[in-house]
Amino acid sequence: MSTLLGEVRPNWRRLADAFTRMGLTDGSGRPPRPQTARQTWWRVRRAMAQGRAAPRAEARGSPAASDAGDALARLVAEMNERSGRRS
């Protein structure tokens, strides 16, 4: 994941593939698409910039949902650190 974060511009196809390997899915249970990952990232950034919590999708009750959420939180923290943003 670190190599994906080191790029100047995110490679959304590679990130979507990595999110799929992490077990993340969309609201319908399908693997994330590059465009969806990009749009979600911008929505989260906009929400964070406005000082409010990012909207959260409801977990579907699978044990992987919690693990995926933890993995995503670590990914966001690492991306913010590398870009100079602090939460």
Protein backbone atom coordinates (compact mmCIF):
# COMPACT_ATOMS: atom_id res chain seq x y z
CA MET A 1 0.00 0.00 0.00
CA SER A 2 2.89 2.37 0.75
CA THR A 3 4.05 2.35 -2.87
CA LEU A 4 0.57 3.38 -3.96
CA LEU A 5 0.66 6.28 -1.52
CA GLY A 6 4.07 7.47 -2.67
CA GLU A 7 2.79 8.47 -6.08
CA VAL A 8 2.18 12.14 -6.82
CA ARG A 9 -1.27 11.42 -8.22
CA PRO A 10 -3.10 8.39 -6.85
CA ASN A 11 -3.48 5.49 -9.25
CA TRP A 12 -7.15 4.86 -8.56
CA ARG A 13 -7.21 1.55 -10.46
CA ARG A 14 -4.39 0.16 -8.31
CA LEU A 15 -5.96 1.56 -5.14
CA ALA A 16 -9.35 0.03 -6.03
CA ASP A 17 -7.60 -3.31 -6.55
CA ALA A 18 -5.87 -2.94 -3.17
CA PHE A 19 -9.18 -2.06 -1.49
CA THR A 20 -10.71 -5.18 -3.04
CA ARG A 21 -7.89 -7.31 -1.61
CA MET A 22 -8.58 -5.69 1.78
CA GLY A 23 -12.20 -6.85 1.57
CA LEU A 24 -13.83 -3.47 1.01
CA THR A 25 -17.04 -3.42 -1.03
CA ASP A 26 -19.60 -0.86 -2.12
CA GLY A 27 -23.11 -0.68 -0.68
CA SER A 28 -24.23 -3.50 -2.97
CA GLY A 29 -21.37 -5.82 -2.02
CA ARG A 30 -19.44 -5.28 -5.26
CA PRO A 31 -15.71 -4.53 -5.31
CA PRO A 32 -14.80 -0.83 -5.49
CA ARG A 33 -14.24 0.74 -8.89
CA PRO A 34 -11.50 3.32 -9.51
CA GLN A 35 -13.98 6.15 -10.15
CA THR A 36 -15.96 5.31 -7.01
CA ALA A 37 -12.79 5.22 -4.89
CA ARG A 38 -11.75 8.62 -6.26
CA GLN A 39 -15.17 10.19 -5.65
CA THR A 40 -15.34 8.77 -2.14
CA TRP A 41 -11.88 10.11 -1.34
CA TRP A 42 -12.88 13.63 -2.46
CA ARG A 43 -16.13 13.48 -0.44
CA VAL A 44 -14.17 12.49 2.67
CA ARG A 45 -11.58 15.23 2.09
CA ARG A 46 -14.31 17.84 1.60
CA ALA A 47 -16.10 16.72 4.78
CA MET A 48 -12.84 16.79 6.75
CA ALA A 49 -12.00 20.27 5.43
CA GLN A 50 -15.41 21.50 6.58
CA GLY A 51 -14.68 20.16 10.05
CA ARG A 52 -17.33 17.49 10.10
CA ALA A 53 -17.12 13.74 10.21
CA ALA A 54 -17.10 11.97 6.89
CA PRO A 55 -20.31 10.14 6.05
CA ARG A 56 -20.13 6.45 6.94
CA ALA A 57 -21.80 3.59 5.22
CA GLU A 58 -23.56 1.13 7.48
CA ALA A 59 -21.66 -2.09 8.01
CA ARG A 60 -23.50 -5.11 6.68
CA GLY A 61 -22.72 -7.14 9.79
CA SER A 62 -19.84 -9.10 8.32
CA PRO A 63 -16.72 -9.52 10.46
CA ALA A 64 -14.65 -8.25 7.53
CA ALA A 65 -16.49 -4.91 7.65
CA SER A 66 -14.77 -3.98 10.93
CA ASP A 67 -11.36 -5.15 9.71
CA ALA A 68 -11.82 -3.25 6.44
CA GLY A 69 -12.80 -0.11 8.35
CA ASP A 70 -9.67 -0.38 10.50
CA ALA A 71 -7.53 -0.92 7.41
CA LEU A 72 -9.10 2.09 5.69
CA ALA A 73 -8.53 4.25 8.77
CA ARG A 74 -4.84 3.27 8.76
CA LEU A 75 -4.64 4.02 5.04
CA VAL A 76 -6.22 7.46 5.45
CA ALA A 77 -3.91 8.27 8.36
CA GLU A 78 -0.86 7.28 6.34
CA MET A 79 -2.03 9.29 3.31
CA ASN A 80 -2.63 12.34 5.50
CA GLU A 81 0.78 12.02 7.13
CA ARG A 82 2.55 11.70 3.78
CA SER A 83 0.68 14.71 2.37
CA GLY A 84 1.50 16.84 5.42
CA ARG A 85 -2.05 16.93 6.80
CA ARG A 86 -2.59 16.04 10.42
CA SER A 87 -5.89 14.93 11.89
